[in-house]
């Protein structure tokens, strides 16, 4: 911080397990990654190389090194994992993780039908090599998963070895946890929180209104994901109550 203000909320410090900010990289260049970490590395914890963009991004290994050297975790998007699964190339995916020396892996089934027991086996298998995040929810806006099932899936995936479970929203924030308009399915979120500790969940929340909702509900140190690189510092101001949306939420706390 460049100066001091009183009555700011207590922000978790890195390396942290709550208050995580997961950023979606949709194909930044090495130079753009360097510029990003020079500005936002202090406020970022994990970088997701969105869906399957890693397959087409030039100088990928060099870019991953930029992130890792800045102390950030890096992983391939869950859609890439699913692309390998549906082609029966899981051993090749494991080789890919080793080749590019990523620190995390995402196990998801948002685009494919995957038996949940098998998904949990993948989580367990990958957790022997890297830190695993598992994603719950469908990318199909027409597929509505009832709250009890979200809870059951999350519990089993955490038990299988997932470090955190991710609530699906896609990069647009219009499926899974949210309606097509971007409005939060508040009843779903509240039901999930009756059983799953908020510390164990990363809520994908690419839209500002969604970020504000979760910060108001769960506080400064809620885990948020699918944040655009250009929105990391704006998000931090929301976390600290230094933007109009949360200006009075943390005074005196």
C-alpha atoms as a PDB file:
ATOM      1  CA  UNK A   1       0.000   0.000   0.000  1.00  0.00           C
ATOM      2  CA  UNK A   2       1.197   3.508  -0.776  1.00  0.00           C
ATOM      3  CA  UNK A   3      -0.318   5.188   2.297  1.00  0.00           C
ATOM      4  CA  UNK A   4      -2.196   4.427   5.505  1.00  0.00           C
ATOM      5  CA  UNK A   5      -5.898   4.547   6.293  1.00  0.00           C
ATOM      6  CA  UNK A   6      -7.527   3.624   9.572  1.00  0.00           C
ATOM      7  CA  UNK A   7     -10.467   1.225   9.968  1.00  0.00           C
ATOM      8  CA  UNK A   8      -9.545  -1.159   7.183  1.00  0.00           C
ATOM      9  CA  UNK A   9     -10.551  -4.825   7.406  1.00  0.00           C
ATOM     10  CA  UNK A  10      -7.906  -7.407   8.254  1.00  0.00           C
ATOM     11  CA  UNK A  11      -6.760  -8.949   4.978  1.00  0.00           C
ATOM     12  CA  UNK A  12      -5.188 -12.414   4.985  1.00  0.00           C
ATOM     13  CA  UNK A  13      -1.509 -12.524   4.042  1.00  0.00           C
ATOM     14  CA  UNK A  14       0.256 -14.705   1.505  1.00  0.00           C
ATOM     15  CA  UNK A  15       0.628 -17.613   1.307  1.00  0.00           C
ATOM     16  CA  UNK A  16      -3.049 -17.703   2.217  1.00  0.00           C
ATOM     17  CA  UNK A  17      -5.841 -20.239   2.318  1.00  0.00           C
ATOM     18  CA  UNK A  18      -8.676 -17.718   2.537  1.00  0.00           C
ATOM     19  CA  UNK A  19      -9.076 -14.480   0.662  1.00  0.00           C
ATOM     20  CA  UNK A  20      -7.711 -16.116  -2.477  1.00  0.00           C
ATOM     21  CA  UNK A  21      -7.917 -14.319  -5.806  1.00  0.00           C
ATOM     22  CA  UNK A  22      -7.790 -16.634  -8.802  1.00  0.00           C
ATOM     23  CA  UNK A  23      -7.134 -14.842 -12.085  1.00  0.00           C
ATOM     24  CA  UNK A  24      -8.201 -16.046 -15.523  1.00  0.00           C
ATOM     25  CA  UNK A  25      -5.475 -15.698 -18.163  1.00  0.00           C
ATOM     26  CA  UNK A  26      -7.152 -16.089 -21.559  1.00  0.00           C
ATOM     27  CA  UNK A  27      -3.946 -15.955 -23.599  1.00  0.00           C
ATOM     28  CA  UNK A  28      -1.705 -13.187 -22.314  1.00  0.00           C
ATOM     29  CA  UNK A  29       1.719 -12.859 -23.910  1.00  0.00           C
ATOM     30  CA  UNK A  30       4.897 -13.252 -21.870  1.00  0.00           C
ATOM     31  CA  UNK A  31       5.310  -9.480 -21.842  1.00  0.00           C
ATOM     32  CA  UNK A  32       1.727  -8.991 -20.717  1.00  0.00           C
ATOM     33  CA  UNK A  33       2.262 -11.566 -17.969  1.00  0.00           C
ATOM     34  CA  UNK A  34       5.372  -9.683 -16.841  1.00  0.00           C
ATOM     35  CA  UNK A  35       3.415  -6.422 -16.790  1.00  0.00           C
ATOM     36  CA  UNK A  36       0.620  -8.099 -14.863  1.00  0.00           C
ATOM     37  CA  UNK A  37       2.828  -9.506 -12.105  1.00  0.00           C
ATOM     38  CA  UNK A  38       4.643  -6.158 -11.765  1.00  0.00           C
ATOM     39  CA  UNK A  39       1.307  -4.601 -10.798  1.00  0.00           C
ATOM     40  CA  UNK A  40      -0.887  -7.312  -9.313  1.00  0.00           C
ATOM     41  CA  UNK A  41       1.206 -10.248  -8.043  1.00  0.00           C
ATOM     42  CA  UNK A  42       0.806  -9.087  -4.440  1.00  0.00           C
ATOM     43  CA  UNK A  43      -2.980  -9.362  -4.758  1.00  0.00           C
ATOM     44  CA  UNK A  44      -3.133 -12.579  -6.778  1.00  0.00           C
ATOM     45  CA  UNK A  45      -2.720 -16.163  -5.585  1.00  0.00           C
ATOM     46  CA  UNK A  46      -3.467 -18.468  -8.514  1.00  0.00           C
ATOM     47  CA  UNK A  47      -3.486 -18.127 -12.301  1.00  0.00           C
ATOM     48  CA  UNK A  48      -5.810 -20.258 -14.403  1.00  0.00           C
ATOM     49  CA  UNK A  49      -4.838 -20.606 -18.051  1.00  0.00           C
ATOM     50  CA  UNK A  50      -8.449 -20.408 -19.197  1.00  0.00           C
ATOM     51  CA  UNK A  51     -10.194 -23.457 -20.649  1.00  0.00           C
ATOM     52  CA  UNK A  52      -7.913 -24.751 -23.474  1.00  0.00           C
ATOM     53  CA  UNK A  53      -6.065 -21.535 -24.322  1.00  0.00           C
ATOM     54  CA  UNK A  54      -2.762 -23.039 -23.143  1.00  0.00           C
ATOM     55  CA  UNK A  55      -2.719 -25.215 -26.259  1.00  0.00           C
ATOM     56  CA  UNK A  56      -2.385 -22.155 -28.504  1.00  0.00           C
ATOM     57  CA  UNK A  57      -0.440 -19.685 -26.361  1.00  0.00           C
ATOM     58  CA  UNK A  58       3.117 -19.046 -27.667  1.00  0.00           C
ATOM     59  CA  UNK A  59       6.076 -19.339 -25.283  1.00  0.00           C
ATOM     60  CA  UNK A  60       3.892 -21.097 -22.736  1.00  0.00           C
ATOM     61  CA  UNK A  61       6.683 -22.495 -20.597  1.00  0.00           C
ATOM     62  CA  UNK A  62       8.313 -19.075 -20.377  1.00  0.00           C
ATOM     63  CA  UNK A  63       5.034 -17.458 -19.335  1.00  0.00           C
ATOM     64  CA  UNK A  64       4.386 -20.092 -16.667  1.00  0.00           C
ATOM     65  CA  UNK A  65       7.877 -19.381 -15.308  1.00  0.00           C
ATOM     66  CA  UNK A  66       6.993 -15.678 -15.043  1.00  0.00           C
ATOM     67  CA  UNK A  67       4.024 -16.522 -12.847  1.00  0.00           C
ATOM     68  CA  UNK A  68       5.854 -19.078 -10.743  1.00  0.00           C
ATOM     69  CA  UNK A  69       8.796 -16.735 -10.185  1.00  0.00           C
ATOM     70  CA  UNK A  70       6.304 -14.199  -8.862  1.00  0.00           C
ATOM     71  CA  UNK A  71       5.089 -16.767  -6.317  1.00  0.00           C
ATOM     72  CA  UNK A  72       1.812 -17.534  -8.062  1.00  0.00           C
ATOM     73  CA  UNK A  73       0.240 -20.960  -8.518  1.00  0.00           C
ATOM     74  CA  UNK A  74      -0.535 -21.905 -12.135  1.00  0.00           C
ATOM     75  CA  UNK A  75      -2.852 -24.462 -13.683  1.00  0.00           C
ATOM     76  CA  UNK A  76      -4.579 -25.416 -16.912  1.00  0.00           C
ATOM     77  CA  UNK A  77      -8.312 -24.793 -17.249  1.00  0.00           C
ATOM     78  CA  UNK A  78     -10.665 -27.621 -16.463  1.00  0.00           C
ATOM     79  CA  UNK A  79     -11.928 -27.819 -20.042  1.00  0.00           C
ATOM     80  CA  UNK A  80      -8.474 -28.911 -21.162  1.00  0.00           C
ATOM     81  CA  UNK A  81      -8.548 -31.695 -18.576  1.00  0.00           C
ATOM     82  CA  UNK A  82     -11.947 -32.773 -19.902  1.00  0.00           C
ATOM     83  CA  UNK A  83     -10.651 -32.713 -23.486  1.00  0.00           C
ATOM     84  CA  UNK A  84      -7.965 -35.226 -22.515  1.00  0.00           C
ATOM     85  CA  UNK A  85     -10.412 -37.366 -20.524  1.00  0.00           C
ATOM     86  CA  UNK A  86     -12.957 -37.702 -23.326  1.00  0.00           C
ATOM     87  CA  UNK A  87     -10.166 -38.730 -25.726  1.00  0.00           C
ATOM     88  CA  UNK A  88      -8.810 -41.342 -23.273  1.00  0.00           C
ATOM     89  CA  UNK A  89      -5.537 -39.403 -22.969  1.00  0.00           C
ATOM     90  CA  UNK A  90      -5.270 -38.969 -19.203  1.00  0.00           C
ATOM     91  CA  UNK A  91      -1.677 -40.313 -19.152  1.00  0.00           C
ATOM     92  CA  UNK A  92      -0.807 -37.618 -21.696  1.00  0.00           C
ATOM     93  CA  UNK A  93      -2.396 -35.016 -19.432  1.00  0.00           C
ATOM     94  CA  UNK A  94      -0.241 -36.199 -16.530  1.00  0.00           C
ATOM     95  CA  UNK A  95       2.809 -35.863 -18.777  1.00  0.00           C
ATOM     96  CA  UNK A  96       1.684 -32.343 -19.681  1.00  0.00           C
ATOM     97  CA  UNK A  97       1.592 -31.321 -16.021  1.00  0.00           C
ATOM     98  CA  UNK A  98       5.128 -32.581 -15.552  1.00  0.00           C
ATOM     99  CA  UNK A  99       6.425 -31.044 -18.784  1.00  0.00           C
ATOM    100  CA  UNK A 100       5.171 -27.556 -17.984  1.00  0.00           C
ATOM    101  CA  UNK A 101       5.774 -27.865 -14.226  1.00  0.00           C
ATOM    102  CA  UNK A 102       2.449 -26.350 -13.223  1.00  0.00           C
ATOM    103  CA  UNK A 103       1.729 -26.263  -9.510  1.00  0.00           C
ATOM    104  CA  UNK A 104      -2.001 -26.980  -9.535  1.00  0.00           C
ATOM    105  CA  UNK A 105      -4.564 -28.938 -11.543  1.00  0.00           C
ATOM    106  CA  UNK A 106      -8.274 -28.497 -12.068  1.00  0.00           C
ATOM    107  CA  UNK A 107     -10.555 -31.525 -12.276  1.00  0.00           C
ATOM    108  CA  UNK A 108     -13.945 -30.669 -13.750  1.00  0.00           C
ATOM    109  CA  UNK A 109     -16.850 -32.174 -15.621  1.00  0.00           C
ATOM    110  CA  UNK A 110     -18.702 -29.059 -16.731  1.00  0.00           C
ATOM    111  CA  UNK A 111     -18.730 -30.023 -20.415  1.00  0.00           C
ATOM    112  CA  UNK A 112     -18.707 -33.819 -20.305  1.00  0.00           C
ATOM    113  CA  UNK A 113     -20.614 -36.557 -18.542  1.00  0.00           C
ATOM    114  CA  UNK A 114     -18.213 -38.118 -16.063  1.00  0.00           C
ATOM    115  CA  UNK A 115     -19.169 -40.684 -13.437  1.00  0.00           C
ATOM    116  CA  UNK A 116     -18.585 -38.978 -10.110  1.00  0.00           C
ATOM    117  CA  UNK A 117     -16.679 -41.885  -8.609  1.00  0.00           C
ATOM    118  CA  UNK A 118     -14.303 -41.668 -11.559  1.00  0.00           C
ATOM    119  CA  UNK A 119     -13.951 -37.928 -11.104  1.00  0.00           C
ATOM    120  CA  UNK A 120     -12.978 -38.477  -7.481  1.00  0.00           C
ATOM    121  CA  UNK A 121     -10.405 -41.048  -8.585  1.00  0.00           C
ATOM    122  CA  UNK A 122      -8.853 -38.429 -10.882  1.00  0.00           C
ATOM    123  CA  UNK A 123      -8.809 -35.943  -8.013  1.00  0.00           C
ATOM    124  CA  UNK A 124      -7.037 -38.432  -5.799  1.00  0.00           C
ATOM    125  CA  UNK A 125      -4.588 -39.415  -8.529  1.00  0.00           C
ATOM    126  CA  UNK A 126      -3.642 -35.838  -9.388  1.00  0.00           C
ATOM    127  CA  UNK A 127      -3.407 -34.813  -5.735  1.00  0.00           C
ATOM    128  CA  UNK A 128      -0.388 -37.100  -5.444  1.00  0.00           C
ATOM    129  CA  UNK A 129       1.432 -34.811  -7.897  1.00  0.00           C
ATOM    130  CA  UNK A 130       0.032 -31.268  -7.540  1.00  0.00           C
ATOM    131  CA  UNK A 131      -2.493 -29.214  -5.603  1.00  0.00           C
ATOM    132  CA  UNK A 132      -5.950 -30.029  -6.933  1.00  0.00           C
ATOM    133  CA  UNK A 133      -8.933 -27.766  -7.382  1.00  0.00           C
ATOM    134  CA  UNK A 134     -12.159 -29.482  -8.364  1.00  0.00           C
ATOM    135  CA  UNK A 135     -14.993 -27.678 -10.073  1.00  0.00           C
ATOM    136  CA  UNK A 136     -18.660 -28.341  -9.386  1.00  0.00           C
ATOM    137  CA  UNK A 137     -21.427 -27.176 -11.698  1.00  0.00           C
ATOM    138  CA  UNK A 138     -22.311 -27.389 -15.364  1.00  0.00           C
ATOM    139  CA  UNK A 139     -21.456 -25.063 -18.239  1.00  0.00           C
ATOM    140  CA  UNK A 140     -24.868 -25.865 -19.686  1.00  0.00           C
ATOM    141  CA  UNK A 141     -27.237 -23.070 -18.635  1.00  0.00           C
ATOM    142  CA  UNK A 142     -30.184 -25.436 -19.044  1.00  0.00           C
ATOM    143  CA  UNK A 143     -28.789 -27.940 -16.558  1.00  0.00           C
ATOM    144  CA  UNK A 144     -29.900 -26.945 -13.065  1.00  0.00           C
ATOM    145  CA  UNK A 145     -28.230 -28.896 -10.261  1.00  0.00           C
ATOM    146  CA  UNK A 146     -30.229 -28.899  -7.003  1.00  0.00           C
ATOM    147  CA  UNK A 147     -28.476 -27.580  -3.864  1.00  0.00           C
ATOM    148  CA  UNK A 148     -28.356 -30.961  -2.100  1.00  0.00           C
ATOM    149  CA  UNK A 149     -26.407 -32.359  -5.031  1.00  0.00           C
ATOM    150  CA  UNK A 150     -23.923 -29.454  -5.065  1.00  0.00           C
ATOM    151  CA  UNK A 151     -23.290 -30.167  -1.399  1.00  0.00           C
ATOM    152  CA  UNK A 152     -22.867 -33.925  -1.874  1.00  0.00           C
ATOM    153  CA  UNK A 153     -20.476 -33.454  -4.796  1.00  0.00           C
ATOM    154  CA  UNK A 154     -18.387 -30.868  -2.958  1.00  0.00           C
ATOM    155  CA  UNK A 155     -18.107 -33.033   0.161  1.00  0.00           C
ATOM    156  CA  UNK A 156     -16.962 -36.069  -1.816  1.00  0.00           C
ATOM    157  CA  UNK A 157     -14.441 -34.100  -3.869  1.00  0.00           C
ATOM    158  CA  UNK A 158     -12.884 -32.487  -0.820  1.00  0.00           C
ATOM    159  CA  UNK A 159     -12.666 -35.923   0.783  1.00  0.00           C
ATOM    160  CA  UNK A 160     -11.006 -37.274  -2.375  1.00  0.00           C
ATOM    161  CA  UNK A 161      -8.158 -34.791  -2.022  1.00  0.00           C
ATOM    162  CA  UNK A 162      -9.260 -31.471  -3.502  1.00  0.00           C
ATOM    163  CA  UNK A 163      -7.647 -28.481  -1.801  1.00  0.00           C
ATOM    164  CA  UNK A 164     -10.569 -26.263  -2.779  1.00  0.00           C
ATOM    165  CA  UNK A 165     -13.804 -26.785  -4.669  1.00  0.00           C
ATOM    166  CA  UNK A 166     -14.759 -24.244  -7.303  1.00  0.00           C
ATOM    167  CA  UNK A 167     -18.320 -23.062  -7.875  1.00  0.00           C
ATOM    168  CA  UNK A 168     -18.845 -22.956 -11.647  1.00  0.00           C
ATOM    169  CA  UNK A 169     -19.766 -19.708 -13.382  1.00  0.00           C
ATOM    170  CA  UNK A 170     -17.723 -19.725 -16.624  1.00  0.00           C
ATOM    171  CA  UNK A 171     -15.768 -16.640 -17.649  1.00  0.00           C
ATOM    172  CA  UNK A 172     -19.008 -14.731 -18.247  1.00  0.00           C
ATOM    173  CA  UNK A 173     -20.607 -15.393 -14.860  1.00  0.00           C
ATOM    174  CA  UNK A 174     -23.901 -16.558 -16.339  1.00  0.00           C
ATOM    175  CA  UNK A 175     -24.241 -20.270 -15.498  1.00  0.00           C
ATOM    176  CA  UNK A 176     -23.939 -22.522 -12.460  1.00  0.00           C
ATOM    177  CA  UNK A 177     -24.022 -20.229  -9.432  1.00  0.00           C
ATOM    178  CA  UNK A 178     -25.695 -17.521 -11.479  1.00  0.00           C
ATOM    179  CA  UNK A 179     -28.712 -17.011 -13.674  1.00  0.00           C
ATOM    180  CA  UNK A 180     -28.244 -16.086 -17.333  1.00  0.00           C
ATOM    181  CA  UNK A 181     -28.559 -12.425 -16.310  1.00  0.00           C
ATOM    182  CA  UNK A 182     -25.589 -12.766 -13.933  1.00  0.00           C
ATOM    183  CA  UNK A 183     -27.843 -12.631 -10.871  1.00  0.00           C
ATOM    184  CA  UNK A 184     -26.633 -14.811  -7.993  1.00  0.00           C
ATOM    185  CA  UNK A 185     -28.697 -17.880  -7.119  1.00  0.00           C
ATOM    186  CA  UNK A 186     -28.749 -16.741  -3.506  1.00  0.00           C
ATOM    187  CA  UNK A 187     -30.741 -19.704  -2.218  1.00  0.00           C
ATOM    188  CA  UNK A 188     -28.208 -22.102  -3.739  1.00  0.00           C
ATOM    189  CA  UNK A 189     -25.268 -20.256  -2.187  1.00  0.00           C
ATOM    190  CA  UNK A 190     -26.888 -20.100   1.239  1.00  0.00           C
ATOM    191  CA  UNK A 191     -27.785 -23.799   1.116  1.00  0.00           C
ATOM    192  CA  UNK A 192     -24.215 -24.769   0.182  1.00  0.00           C
ATOM    193  CA  UNK A 193     -22.877 -22.722   3.087  1.00  0.00           C
ATOM    194  CA  UNK A 194     -24.994 -24.644   5.596  1.00  0.00           C
ATOM    195  CA  UNK A 195     -22.646 -27.597   5.099  1.00  0.00           C
ATOM    196  CA  UNK A 196     -19.478 -26.635   3.212  1.00  0.00           C
ATOM    197  CA  UNK A 197     -17.090 -24.219   5.001  1.00  0.00           C
ATOM    198  CA  UNK A 198     -16.639 -21.037   2.979  1.00  0.00           C
ATOM    199  CA  UNK A 199     -12.881 -21.414   3.339  1.00  0.00           C
ATOM    200  CA  UNK A 200     -13.023 -24.535   1.162  1.00  0.00           C
ATOM    201  CA  UNK A 201     -14.824 -22.873  -1.754  1.00  0.00           C
ATOM    202  CA  UNK A 202     -13.617 -20.623  -4.562  1.00  0.00           C
ATOM    203  CA  UNK A 203     -16.601 -18.783  -6.011  1.00  0.00           C
ATOM    204  CA  UNK A 204     -16.164 -17.923  -9.679  1.00  0.00           C
ATOM    205  CA  UNK A 205     -17.315 -14.304  -9.806  1.00  0.00           C
ATOM    206  CA  UNK A 206     -16.117 -12.462 -12.912  1.00  0.00           C
ATOM    207  CA  UNK A 207     -18.677  -9.659 -12.661  1.00  0.00           C
ATOM    208  CA  UNK A 208     -18.282  -6.793 -10.182  1.00  0.00           C
ATOM    209  CA  UNK A 209     -21.801  -7.223  -8.801  1.00  0.00           C
ATOM    210  CA  UNK A 210     -21.031 -10.875  -8.067  1.00  0.00           C
ATOM    211  CA  UNK A 211     -17.795  -9.986  -6.287  1.00  0.00           C
ATOM    212  CA  UNK A 212     -19.653  -7.430  -4.189  1.00  0.00           C
ATOM    213  CA  UNK A 213     -22.319  -9.989  -3.277  1.00  0.00           C
ATOM    214  CA  UNK A 214     -19.812 -12.521  -1.932  1.00  0.00           C
ATOM    215  CA  UNK A 215     -17.725  -9.923  -0.098  1.00  0.00           C
ATOM    216  CA  UNK A 216     -20.813  -8.514   1.593  1.00  0.00           C
ATOM    217  CA  UNK A 217     -21.993 -12.034   2.458  1.00  0.00           C
ATOM    218  CA  UNK A 218     -18.732 -13.635   3.567  1.00  0.00           C
ATOM    219  CA  UNK A 219     -16.326 -10.786   4.202  1.00  0.00           C
ATOM    220  CA  UNK A 220     -13.016  -9.490   2.933  1.00  0.00           C
ATOM    221  CA  UNK A 221     -11.365 -12.897   2.879  1.00  0.00           C
ATOM    222  CA  UNK A 222     -13.765 -14.804   0.657  1.00  0.00           C
ATOM    223  CA  UNK A 223     -12.123 -16.836  -2.126  1.00  0.00           C
ATOM    224  CA  UNK A 224     -12.993 -15.458  -5.568  1.00  0.00           C
ATOM    225  CA  UNK A 225     -12.104 -16.731  -9.030  1.00  0.00           C
ATOM    226  CA  UNK A 226     -12.249 -16.044 -12.752  1.00  0.00           C
ATOM    227  CA  UNK A 227     -11.089 -12.494 -12.136  1.00  0.00           C
ATOM    228  CA  UNK A 228      -9.856 -10.604 -15.187  1.00  0.00           C
ATOM    229  CA  UNK A 229      -6.219  -9.428 -14.940  1.00  0.00           C
ATOM    230  CA  UNK A 230      -7.365  -5.823 -15.268  1.00  0.00           C
ATOM    231  CA  UNK A 231      -9.839  -6.261 -12.392  1.00  0.00           C
ATOM    232  CA  UNK A 232      -7.480  -7.512  -9.679  1.00  0.00           C
ATOM    233  CA  UNK A 233      -6.709  -4.121  -8.139  1.00  0.00           C
ATOM    234  CA  UNK A 234     -10.345  -2.960  -8.446  1.00  0.00           C
ATOM    235  CA  UNK A 235     -11.341  -6.160  -6.615  1.00  0.00           C
ATOM    236  CA  UNK A 236      -8.849  -5.406  -3.861  1.00  0.00           C
ATOM    237  CA  UNK A 237     -10.472  -1.996  -3.315  1.00  0.00           C
ATOM    238  CA  UNK A 238     -13.831  -3.753  -2.922  1.00  0.00           C
ATOM    239  CA  UNK A 239     -12.293  -6.184  -0.417  1.00  0.00           C
ATOM    240  CA  UNK A 240     -11.001  -3.234   1.633  1.00  0.00           C
ATOM    241  CA  UNK A 241     -14.188  -1.161   1.490  1.00  0.00           C
ATOM    242  CA  UNK A 242     -12.518   1.466  -0.662  1.00  0.00           C
ATOM    243  CA  UNK A 243     -14.999   1.455  -3.516  1.00  0.00           C
ATOM    244  CA  UNK A 244     -18.530   2.763  -3.301  1.00  0.00           C
ATOM    245  CA  UNK A 245     -20.072  -0.730  -3.370  1.00  0.00           C
ATOM    246  CA  UNK A 246     -18.600  -1.714   0.030  1.00  0.00           C
ATOM    247  CA  UNK A 247     -17.588   1.712   1.342  1.00  0.00           C
ATOM    248  CA  UNK A 248     -19.421   1.419   4.678  1.00  0.00           C
ATOM    249  CA  UNK A 249     -19.304  -2.360   5.115  1.00  0.00           C
ATOM    250  CA  UNK A 250     -16.047  -2.591   7.074  1.00  0.00           C
ATOM    251  CA  UNK A 251     -15.938   0.662   9.021  1.00  0.00           C
ATOM    252  CA  UNK A 252     -15.254  -0.063  12.662  1.00  0.00           C
ATOM    253  CA  UNK A 253     -14.476  -3.736  12.070  1.00  0.00           C
END
